[in-house]
């Protein structure tokens, strides 16, 4: 399985306003800085409203917060959490570090 990066599609409406997710926008910037990731990972931009069925199918209803990187357990970084048959990262900096390590390119500055 390819690594799967789930981020919110921007802009999205919540209440009377349109928004973007700060962490998802950071991931969009990381994808721009690492265009080769687009060939190596499956980037899924999904809508804001819940339920987020694509995510639920992989890691369950209680794990819908985004951004999220879902990977095979084998070879996953040590800070990933096991959810079912997958390894998952939800922290934006951990996601950036993992993608840079796993697929080359630049990661977040410490």
Protein backbone atom coordinates (compact mmCIF):
# COMPACT_ATOMS: atom_id res chain seq x y z
CA UNK A 1 0.00 0.00 0.00
CA UNK A 2 1.17 3.53 -0.75
CA UNK A 3 1.33 5.93 2.17
CA UNK A 4 -1.98 7.80 2.30
CA UNK A 5 -2.05 11.45 3.33
CA UNK A 6 -5.50 12.78 4.20
CA UNK A 7 -5.94 16.56 4.26
CA UNK A 8 -8.96 18.84 4.18
CA UNK A 9 -9.87 20.37 0.85
CA UNK A 10 -9.79 24.18 1.11
CA UNK A 11 -11.73 26.31 1.38
CA UNK A 12 -14.50 24.72 3.43
CA UNK A 13 -17.56 26.22 5.05
CA UNK A 14 -18.16 25.93 8.78
CA UNK A 15 -21.01 28.06 10.03
CA UNK A 16 -21.35 31.36 8.17
CA UNK A 17 -17.67 31.52 7.14
CA UNK A 18 -15.22 29.85 4.77
CA UNK A 19 -11.97 28.53 6.23
CA UNK A 20 -8.81 26.56 5.64
CA UNK A 21 -7.09 24.18 8.05
CA UNK A 22 -3.69 25.56 9.16
CA UNK A 23 -2.06 22.12 9.41
CA UNK A 24 -3.51 20.97 6.09
CA UNK A 25 -2.23 24.18 4.45
CA UNK A 26 1.22 23.39 5.87
CA UNK A 27 1.02 19.96 4.25
CA UNK A 28 0.04 21.59 0.93
CA UNK A 29 3.21 23.68 1.22
CA UNK A 30 5.28 20.56 1.95
CA UNK A 31 3.81 18.93 -1.15
CA UNK A 32 4.81 21.98 -3.21
CA UNK A 33 8.36 21.79 -1.82
CA UNK A 34 8.49 18.04 -2.59
CA UNK A 35 6.64 17.52 -5.89
CA UNK A 36 8.05 13.99 -6.20
CA UNK A 37 5.88 12.94 -3.24
CA UNK A 38 2.83 13.17 -5.50
CA UNK A 39 4.09 10.08 -7.37
CA UNK A 40 4.99 8.18 -4.20
CA UNK A 41 2.08 8.81 -1.85
CA UNK A 42 -1.67 8.86 -2.25
CA UNK A 43 -2.85 12.38 -1.34
CA UNK A 44 -6.55 12.54 -0.53
CA UNK A 45 -8.14 15.95 -0.19
CA UNK A 46 -11.52 15.44 1.41
CA UNK A 47 -14.39 17.63 2.53
CA UNK A 48 -14.72 19.09 6.02
CA UNK A 49 -18.12 17.64 7.00
CA UNK A 50 -18.21 14.50 9.09
CA UNK A 51 -18.55 11.62 8.79
CA UNK A 52 -15.42 11.33 6.65
CA UNK A 53 -16.18 7.93 5.23
CA UNK A 54 -12.82 7.42 3.45
CA UNK A 55 -11.00 7.80 6.76
CA UNK A 56 -13.55 5.78 8.76
CA UNK A 57 -13.12 2.81 6.42
CA UNK A 58 -9.39 2.68 7.24
CA UNK A 59 -9.07 3.70 10.90
CA UNK A 60 -12.55 3.92 12.39
CA UNK A 61 -15.10 6.59 13.22
CA UNK A 62 -13.21 7.86 16.28
CA UNK A 63 -10.17 8.82 14.16
CA UNK A 64 -11.44 11.45 11.72
CA UNK A 65 -9.17 14.38 12.66
CA UNK A 66 -6.98 15.63 9.82
CA UNK A 67 -4.30 15.86 8.59
CA UNK A 68 -3.42 12.19 8.93
CA UNK A 69 -0.80 9.93 7.38
CA UNK A 70 -1.76 6.25 7.14
CA UNK A 71 1.00 3.72 6.43
CA UNK A 72 1.71 0.02 6.53
CA UNK A 73 2.90 -0.99 9.98
CA UNK A 74 6.09 -2.50 8.60
CA UNK A 75 8.70 0.25 8.29
CA UNK A 76 6.57 2.89 10.03
CA UNK A 77 8.35 5.40 12.29
CA UNK A 78 8.47 4.66 16.01
CA UNK A 79 6.15 7.55 16.90
CA UNK A 80 3.33 6.19 14.73
CA UNK A 81 0.27 4.79 16.50
CA UNK A 82 -1.12 1.44 15.45
CA UNK A 83 -4.81 1.58 14.56
CA UNK A 84 -6.12 -1.71 13.25
CA UNK A 85 -3.81 -2.94 10.53
CA UNK A 86 -2.21 0.48 9.88
CA UNK A 87 0.33 2.85 11.41
CA UNK A 88 -0.95 6.41 11.78
CA UNK A 89 0.57 9.84 12.36
CA UNK A 90 -1.56 12.87 13.16
CA UNK A 91 1.06 15.39 14.30
CA UNK A 92 1.95 17.73 11.44
CA UNK A 93 5.69 17.78 12.18
CA UNK A 94 5.81 14.00 12.58
CA UNK A 95 4.02 13.61 9.24
CA UNK A 96 6.54 15.91 7.52
CA UNK A 97 9.51 14.10 9.07
CA UNK A 98 8.11 10.69 8.13
CA UNK A 99 7.43 11.67 4.52
CA UNK A 100 10.90 13.18 4.09
CA UNK A 101 12.53 10.10 5.60
CA UNK A 102 10.41 7.59 3.69
CA UNK A 103 10.32 9.35 0.31
CA UNK A 104 13.27 11.75 0.27
CA UNK A 105 13.11 15.50 0.01
CA UNK A 106 12.85 18.22 2.60
CA UNK A 107 11.14 18.04 5.97
CA UNK A 108 10.20 20.49 8.70
CA UNK A 109 12.98 22.51 10.28
CA UNK A 110 13.54 21.51 13.90
